[in-house]
Amino acid sequence: MRYVMKLGLVGIAVALSGCATQKQWSAYSGSRADGVVRLGYNYGMFEKPEIEPGQAQRLAAQKCSVWGYQSAEAFGDATQQCTATNQYGCVAWRVTAEFQCLGRGNSPVAAAAE
C-alpha cells in the first residue's frame, strides 16, 4: 500500500512540474511606418517553454528586411502577461518582445527624410 501511495505522489509531482515544450516566436503585429515588429508566443500552465536563443532576433531582422530595413534591435526584455485564469490562478500566458527596425527603410517615414 505504501508503494502505491509513493507512486501516486511521484505521479502528481511529475504532472505539476510541467513539460518542457519547444516554442517558436511569431510576428503578431508591427508597423512598417514606425519600423516596429512585435513578436510573441503563448504557453499554458503545465508547459515550460524552451526558446531557441537568437530566434526572435533573426525573425525580427527578417521581417524588417522585408520592409527594406537593414537590421532589428530589441527594445528591451520580453514581457509576460496572463491571458487566462481559473480558480487556481493564471493558467495561460503570452510572452511578447518588441523590436525596432534599423537602417534605411523604404517606409513613408524614411522617404520623407530624403
Foldseek 3Di string as FASTA:
>chain_A
DVVVVVVVVVVVVLQQQADEDEWAKDWDDADLQQQKTKIKDKDWNRYDYDYDPPRVQVVSQVVSVVQPFRGKDWPDDKDKDQDDADPVGGTMIMIMTMIGGHHQGPHPNSVVVD
